[in-house]
Every structure is written in C-alpha cells, then in structure tokens.
Amino acid sequence: MLQGAAPDVDAAGPRGLGGSPLHEALRGVKVNGARGVHAKIAKLLIDDFKRLGLMAEAAVIIKSTR
C-alpha cells in the first residue's frame, strides 16, 4: 500500500473482531455495499496481494469474511 503497511497483517481491529485490513474492508463492504470507500480499499488491498504474490492468502481472507 502507499503507506507501506503489509496487507496481510493481523490486528485486533477497532471493534475487537481481529483480522487483517482486508478483513475489515470486506466487513465494511458487507455493511455499506460495493460502491463505498470500503470497496475501494478492498480493491487496493487485493491488488497489493496480487502484486506480492499472496493471492492464496487473499482467497482465504475473502472466503472467511463471506
């Protein structure tokens, strides 16, 4: 990402739900729909996973937040 954070870092999250930034962005998409800021952030994170060759990890996160 532009700020240098790893897209697969595990964190407690603001609501104590745990997970990576991608988890949090996907939760926001579930709540707010696919046209909001969360969707843009999720796309940026997924692009970073692709760039880093971590799509298997991204797939696990995506599946776990459905």
PDB file of N, CA and C in Angstrom:
ATOM      1  N   MET A   1       0.848  -1.178   0.000  1.00  0.00           N
ATOM      2  CA  MET A   1       0.000   0.000   0.000  1.00  0.00           C
ATOM      3  C   MET A   1       0.891   1.237   0.000  1.00  0.00           C
ATOM      4  N   LEU A   2       0.278   2.360  -0.230  1.00  0.00           N
ATOM      5  CA  LEU A   2       1.044   3.578  -0.336  1.00  0.00           C
ATOM      6  C   LEU A   2       1.777   3.931   0.954  1.00  0.00           C
ATOM      7  N   GLN A   3       1.226   3.583   2.105  1.00  0.00           N
ATOM      8  CA  GLN A   3       1.851   3.916   3.376  1.00  0.00           C
ATOM      9  C   GLN A   3       2.846   2.850   3.829  1.00  0.00           C
ATOM     10  N   GLY A   4       2.954   1.754   3.118  1.00  0.00           N
ATOM     11  CA  GLY A   4       3.951   0.752   3.427  1.00  0.00           C
ATOM     12  C   GLY A   4       3.498  -0.361   4.345  1.00  0.00           C
ATOM     13  N   ALA A   5       2.242  -0.369   4.758  1.00  0.00           N
ATOM     14  CA  ALA A   5       1.753  -1.438   5.634  1.00  0.00           C
ATOM     15  C   ALA A   5       1.555  -2.714   4.828  1.00  0.00           C
ATOM     16  N   ALA A   6       1.853  -3.845   5.442  1.00  0.00           N
ATOM     17  CA  ALA A   6       1.627  -5.135   4.782  1.00  0.00           C
ATOM     18  C   ALA A   6       0.127  -5.419   4.748  1.00  0.00           C
ATOM     19  N   PRO A   7      -0.415  -5.873   3.618  1.00  0.00           N
ATOM     20  CA  PRO A   7      -1.855  -6.082   3.509  1.00  0.00           C
ATOM     21  C   PRO A   7      -2.359  -7.283   4.294  1.00  0.00           C
ATOM     22  N   ASP A   8      -1.466  -8.132   4.771  1.00  0.00           N
ATOM     23  CA  ASP A   8      -1.900  -9.339   5.469  1.00  0.00           C
ATOM     24  C   ASP A   8      -1.589  -9.321   6.967  1.00  0.00           C
ATOM     25  N   VAL A   9      -1.318  -8.132   7.516  1.00  0.00           N
ATOM     26  CA  VAL A   9      -1.025  -8.004   8.942  1.00  0.00           C
ATOM     27  C   VAL A   9      -2.290  -8.287   9.742  1.00  0.00           C
ATOM     28  N   ASP A  10      -2.158  -9.098  10.782  1.00  0.00           N
ATOM     29  CA  ASP A  10      -3.290  -9.396  11.647  1.00  0.00           C
ATOM     30  C   ASP A  10      -3.338  -8.349  12.758  1.00  0.00           C
ATOM     31  N   ALA A  11      -4.538  -7.838  13.025  1.00  0.00           N
ATOM     32  CA  ALA A  11      -4.691  -6.794  14.046  1.00  0.00           C
ATOM     33  C   ALA A  11      -5.984  -7.008  14.815  1.00  0.00           C
ATOM     34  N   ALA A  12      -6.079  -6.388  15.972  1.00  0.00           N
ATOM     35  CA  ALA A  12      -7.282  -6.523  16.796  1.00  0.00           C
ATOM     36  C   ALA A  12      -8.474  -5.832  16.150  1.00  0.00           C
ATOM     37  N   GLY A  13      -8.260  -4.752  15.445  1.00  0.00           N
ATOM     38  CA  GLY A  13      -9.342  -4.030  14.801  1.00  0.00           C
ATOM     39  C   GLY A  13     -10.100  -3.164  15.786  1.00  0.00           C
ATOM     40  N   PRO A  14     -10.807  -2.146  15.282  1.00  0.00           N
ATOM     41  CA  PRO A  14     -11.472  -1.191  16.154  1.00  0.00           C
ATOM     42  C   PRO A  14     -12.604  -1.788  16.983  1.00  0.00           C
ATOM     43  N   ARG A  15     -13.182  -2.853  16.524  1.00  0.00           N
ATOM     44  CA  ARG A  15     -14.280  -3.483  17.264  1.00  0.00           C
ATOM     45  C   ARG A  15     -13.838  -4.795  17.908  1.00  0.00           C
ATOM     46  N   GLY A  16     -12.530  -5.033  17.933  1.00  0.00           N
ATOM     47  CA  GLY A  16     -12.006  -6.241  18.542  1.00  0.00           C
ATOM     48  C   GLY A  16     -12.322  -7.507  17.760  1.00  0.00           C
ATOM     49  N   LEU A  17     -12.630  -7.362  16.468  1.00  0.00           N
ATOM     50  CA  LEU A  17     -13.011  -8.518  15.659  1.00  0.00           C
ATOM     51  C   LEU A  17     -11.801  -9.285  15.139  1.00  0.00           C
ATOM     52  N   GLY A  18     -10.654  -8.649  15.137  1.00  0.00           N
ATOM     53  CA  GLY A  18      -9.465  -9.309  14.628  1.00  0.00           C
ATOM     54  C   GLY A  18      -9.444  -9.365  13.119  1.00  0.00           C
ATOM     55  N   GLY A  19      -8.336  -9.805  12.602  1.00  0.00           N
ATOM     56  CA  GLY A  19      -8.196  -9.952  11.173  1.00  0.00           C
ATOM     57  C   GLY A  19      -7.294  -8.898  10.565  1.00  0.00           C
ATOM     58  N   SER A  20      -7.140  -8.990   9.263  1.00  0.00           N
ATOM     59  CA  SER A  20      -6.259  -8.094   8.524  1.00  0.00           C
ATOM     60  C   SER A  20      -7.029  -6.857   8.060  1.00  0.00           C
ATOM     61  N   PRO A  21      -6.322  -5.890   7.498  1.00  0.00           N
ATOM     62  CA  PRO A  21      -7.023  -4.749   6.897  1.00  0.00           C
ATOM     63  C   PRO A  21      -8.028  -5.195   5.827  1.00  0.00           C
ATOM     64  N   LEU A  22      -7.699  -6.274   5.117  1.00  0.00           N
ATOM     65  CA  LEU A  22      -8.634  -6.775   4.111  1.00  0.00           C
ATOM     66  C   LEU A  22      -9.908  -7.303   4.763  1.00  0.00           C
ATOM     67  N   HIS A  23      -9.784  -7.996   5.902  1.00  0.00           N
ATOM     68  CA  HIS A  23     -10.975  -8.432   6.640  1.00  0.00           C
ATOM     69  C   HIS A  23     -11.873  -7.232   6.947  1.00  0.00           C
ATOM     70  N   GLU A  24     -11.274  -6.189   7.492  1.00  0.00           N
ATOM     71  CA  GLU A  24     -12.043  -5.006   7.893  1.00  0.00           C
ATOM     72  C   GLU A  24     -12.704  -4.341   6.688  1.00  0.00           C
ATOM     73  N   ALA A  25     -11.980  -4.219   5.590  1.00  0.00           N
ATOM     74  CA  ALA A  25     -12.555  -3.617   4.387  1.00  0.00           C
ATOM     75  C   ALA A  25     -13.716  -4.444   3.862  1.00  0.00           C
ATOM     76  N   LEU A  26     -13.577  -5.766   3.860  1.00  0.00           N
ATOM     77  CA  LEU A  26     -14.656  -6.625   3.380  1.00  0.00           C
ATOM     78  C   LEU A  26     -15.870  -6.580   4.303  1.00  0.00           C
ATOM     79  N   ARG A  27     -15.640  -6.461   5.619  1.00  0.00           N
ATOM     80  CA  ARG A  27     -16.768  -6.282   6.540  1.00  0.00           C
ATOM     81  C   ARG A  27     -17.520  -4.996   6.206  1.00  0.00           C
ATOM     82  N   GLY A  28     -16.781  -3.940   5.895  1.00  0.00           N
ATOM     83  CA  GLY A  28     -17.407  -2.676   5.520  1.00  0.00           C
ATOM     84  C   GLY A  28     -18.210  -2.790   4.239  1.00  0.00           C
ATOM     85  N   VAL A  29     -17.716  -3.576   3.287  1.00  0.00           N
ATOM     86  CA  VAL A  29     -18.459  -3.796   2.047  1.00  0.00           C
ATOM     87  C   VAL A  29     -19.776  -4.505   2.351  1.00  0.00           C
ATOM     88  N   LYS A  30     -19.739  -5.479   3.261  1.00  0.00           N
ATOM     89  CA  LYS A  30     -20.968  -6.195   3.629  1.00  0.00           C
ATOM     90  C   LYS A  30     -22.005  -5.236   4.200  1.00  0.00           C
ATOM     91  N   VAL A  31     -21.558  -4.307   5.019  1.00  0.00           N
ATOM     92  CA  VAL A  31     -22.465  -3.382   5.694  1.00  0.00           C
ATOM     93  C   VAL A  31     -22.905  -2.248   4.775  1.00  0.00           C
ATOM     94  N   ASN A  32     -21.968  -1.696   4.007  1.00  0.00           N
ATOM     95  CA  ASN A  32     -22.225  -0.471   3.253  1.00  0.00           C
ATOM     96  C   ASN A  32     -22.428  -0.660   1.754  1.00  0.00           C
ATOM     97  N   GLY A  33     -22.257  -1.871   1.266  1.00  0.00           N
ATOM     98  CA  GLY A  33     -22.423  -2.117  -0.160  1.00  0.00           C
ATOM     99  C   GLY A  33     -21.131  -1.949  -0.941  1.00  0.00           C
ATOM    100  N   ALA A  34     -21.193  -2.289  -2.204  1.00  0.00           N
ATOM    101  CA  ALA A  34     -19.988  -2.368  -3.041  1.00  0.00           C
ATOM    102  C   ALA A  34     -19.586  -1.042  -3.672  1.00  0.00           C
ATOM    103  N   ARG A  35     -20.284   0.034  -3.375  1.00  0.00           N
ATOM    104  CA  ARG A  35     -19.937   1.308  -4.012  1.00  0.00           C
ATOM    105  C   ARG A  35     -19.269   2.294  -3.062  1.00  0.00           C
ATOM    106  N   GLY A  36     -19.032   1.900  -1.830  1.00  0.00           N
ATOM    107  CA  GLY A  36     -18.466   2.812  -0.854  1.00  0.00           C
ATOM    108  C   GLY A  36     -16.950   2.768  -0.787  1.00  0.00           C
ATOM    109  N   VAL A  37     -16.433   3.496   0.167  1.00  0.00           N
ATOM    110  CA  VAL A  37     -14.993   3.592   0.376  1.00  0.00           C
ATOM    111  C   VAL A  37     -14.396   2.237   0.732  1.00  0.00           C
ATOM    112  N   HIS A  38     -15.137   1.420   1.497  1.00  0.00           N
ATOM    113  CA  HIS A  38     -14.611   0.101   1.877  1.00  0.00           C
ATOM    114  C   HIS A  38     -14.310  -0.746   0.641  1.00  0.00           C
ATOM    115  N   ALA A  39     -15.155  -0.647  -0.380  1.00  0.00           N
ATOM    116  CA  ALA A  39     -14.930  -1.421  -1.603  1.00  0.00           C
ATOM    117  C   ALA A  39     -13.657  -0.959  -2.307  1.00  0.00           C
ATOM    118  N   LYS A  40     -13.414   0.348  -2.313  1.00  0.00           N
ATOM    119  CA  LYS A  40     -12.198   0.876  -2.938  1.00  0.00           C
ATOM    120  C   LYS A  40     -10.962   0.394  -2.178  1.00  0.00           C
ATOM    121  N   ILE A  41     -11.047   0.412  -0.857  1.00  0.00           N
ATOM    122  CA  ILE A  41      -9.928  -0.047  -0.034  1.00  0.00           C
ATOM    123  C   ILE A  41      -9.694  -1.542  -0.253  1.00  0.00           C
ATOM    124  N   ALA A  42     -10.779  -2.330  -0.292  1.00  0.00           N
ATOM    125  CA  ALA A  42     -10.643  -3.767  -0.523  1.00  0.00           C
ATOM    126  C   ALA A  42      -9.950  -4.032  -1.855  1.00  0.00           C
ATOM    127  N   LYS A  43     -10.330  -3.279  -2.888  1.00  0.00           N
ATOM    128  CA  LYS A  43      -9.699  -3.464  -4.199  1.00  0.00           C
ATOM    129  C   LYS A  43      -8.209  -3.136  -4.139  1.00  0.00           C
ATOM    130  N   LEU A  44      -7.850  -2.039  -3.467  1.00  0.00           N
ATOM    131  CA  LEU A  44      -6.434  -1.693  -3.334  1.00  0.00           C
ATOM    132  C   LEU A  44      -5.656  -2.789  -2.608  1.00  0.00           C
ATOM    133  N   LEU A  45      -6.251  -3.319  -1.540  1.00  0.00           N
ATOM    134  CA  LEU A  45      -5.578  -4.381  -0.783  1.00  0.00           C
ATOM    135  C   LEU A  45      -5.423  -5.646  -1.618  1.00  0.00           C
ATOM    136  N   ILE A  46      -6.480  -6.017  -2.346  1.00  0.00           N
ATOM    137  CA  ILE A  46      -6.405  -7.206  -3.199  1.00  0.00           C
ATOM    138  C   ILE A  46      -5.355  -7.012  -4.288  1.00  0.00           C
ATOM    139  N   ASP A  47      -5.277  -5.797  -4.832  1.00  0.00           N
ATOM    140  CA  ASP A  47      -4.223  -5.509  -5.819  1.00  0.00           C
ATOM    141  C   ASP A  47      -2.837  -5.684  -5.201  1.00  0.00           C
ATOM    142  N   ASP A  48      -2.672  -5.272  -3.942  1.00  0.00           N
ATOM    143  CA  ASP A  48      -1.387  -5.469  -3.256  1.00  0.00           C
ATOM    144  C   ASP A  48      -1.089  -6.952  -3.057  1.00  0.00           C
ATOM    145  N   PHE A  49      -2.102  -7.725  -2.660  1.00  0.00           N
ATOM    146  CA  PHE A  49      -1.895  -9.168  -2.514  1.00  0.00           C
ATOM    147  C   PHE A  49      -1.429  -9.762  -3.842  1.00  0.00           C
ATOM    148  N   LYS A  50      -2.065  -9.354  -4.940  1.00  0.00           N
ATOM    149  CA  LYS A  50      -1.665  -9.853  -6.265  1.00  0.00           C
ATOM    150  C   LYS A  50      -0.214  -9.480  -6.556  1.00  0.00           C
ATOM    151  N   ARG A  51       0.119  -8.217  -6.335  1.00  0.00           N
ATOM    152  CA  ARG A  51       1.465  -7.725  -6.620  1.00  0.00           C
ATOM    153  C   ARG A  51       2.517  -8.481  -5.813  1.00  0.00           C
ATOM    154  N   LEU A  52       2.168  -8.842  -4.581  1.00  0.00           N
ATOM    155  CA  LEU A  52       3.099  -9.543  -3.703  1.00  0.00           C
ATOM    156  C   LEU A  52       3.071 -11.063  -3.875  1.00  0.00           C
ATOM    157  N   GLY A  53       2.203 -11.554  -4.763  1.00  0.00           N
ATOM    158  CA  GLY A  53       2.097 -12.994  -4.984  1.00  0.00           C
ATOM    159  C   GLY A  53       1.424 -13.720  -3.823  1.00  0.00           C
ATOM    160  N   LEU A  54       0.495 -13.056  -3.162  1.00  0.00           N
ATOM    161  CA  LEU A  54      -0.172 -13.627  -1.987  1.00  0.00           C
ATOM    162  C   LEU A  54      -1.656 -13.894  -2.225  1.00  0.00           C
ATOM    163  N   MET A  55      -2.023 -14.256  -3.445  1.00  0.00           N
ATOM    164  CA  MET A  55      -3.448 -14.447  -3.737  1.00  0.00           C
ATOM    165  C   MET A  55      -4.055 -15.627  -2.986  1.00  0.00           C
ATOM    166  N   ALA A  56      -3.271 -16.650  -2.664  1.00  0.00           N
ATOM    167  CA  ALA A  56      -3.814 -17.764  -1.870  1.00  0.00           C
ATOM    168  C   ALA A  56      -4.231 -17.250  -0.495  1.00  0.00           C
ATOM    169  N   GLU A  57      -3.418 -16.381   0.104  1.00  0.00           N
ATOM    170  CA  GLU A  57      -3.752 -15.792   1.393  1.00  0.00           C
ATOM    171  C   GLU A  57      -4.986 -14.904   1.280  1.00  0.00           C
ATOM    172  N   ALA A  58      -5.059 -14.114   0.205  1.00  0.00           N
ATOM    173  CA  ALA A  58      -6.219 -13.245  -0.016  1.00  0.00           C
ATOM    174  C   ALA A  58      -7.482 -14.080  -0.164  1.00  0.00           C
ATOM    175  N   ALA A  59      -7.395 -15.184  -0.872  1.00  0.00           N
ATOM    176  CA  ALA A  59      -8.559 -16.044  -1.059  1.00  0.00           C
ATOM    177  C   ALA A  59      -9.082 -16.580   0.259  1.00  0.00           C
ATOM    178  N   VAL A  60      -8.174 -16.930   1.160  1.00  0.00           N
ATOM    179  CA  VAL A  60      -8.576 -17.427   2.497  1.00  0.00           C
ATOM    180  C   VAL A  60      -9.311 -16.321   3.248  1.00  0.00           C
ATOM    181  N   ILE A  61      -8.790 -15.109   3.204  1.00  0.00           N
ATOM    182  CA  ILE A  61      -9.429 -13.985   3.899  1.00  0.00           C
ATOM    183  C   ILE A  61     -10.801 -13.694   3.291  1.00  0.00           C
ATOM    184  N   ILE A  62     -10.879 -13.664   1.992  1.00  0.00           N
ATOM    185  CA  ILE A  62     -12.145 -13.383   1.315  1.00  0.00           C
ATOM    186  C   ILE A  62     -13.172 -14.438   1.681  1.00  0.00           C
ATOM    187  N   LYS A  63     -12.778 -15.688   1.651  1.00  0.00           N
ATOM    188  CA  LYS A  63     -13.704 -16.782   1.990  1.00  0.00           C
ATOM    189  C   LYS A  63     -14.162 -16.694   3.436  1.00  0.00           C
ATOM    190  N   SER A  64     -13.266 -16.306   4.340  1.00  0.00           N
ATOM    191  CA  SER A  64     -13.611 -16.266   5.765  1.00  0.00           C
ATOM    192  C   SER A  64     -14.513 -15.099   6.133  1.00  0.00           C
ATOM    193  N   THR A  65     -14.638 -14.098   5.283  1.00  0.00           N
ATOM    194  CA  THR A  65     -15.477 -12.950   5.597  1.00  0.00           C
ATOM    195  C   THR A  65     -16.800 -12.955   4.856  1.00  0.00           C
ATOM    196  N   ARG A  66     -17.100 -14.016   4.173  1.00  0.00           N
ATOM    197  CA  ARG A  66     -18.382 -14.088   3.461  1.00  0.00           C
ATOM    198  C   ARG A  66     -19.505 -14.366   4.393  1.00  0.00           C
TER     199      ARG A  66
END
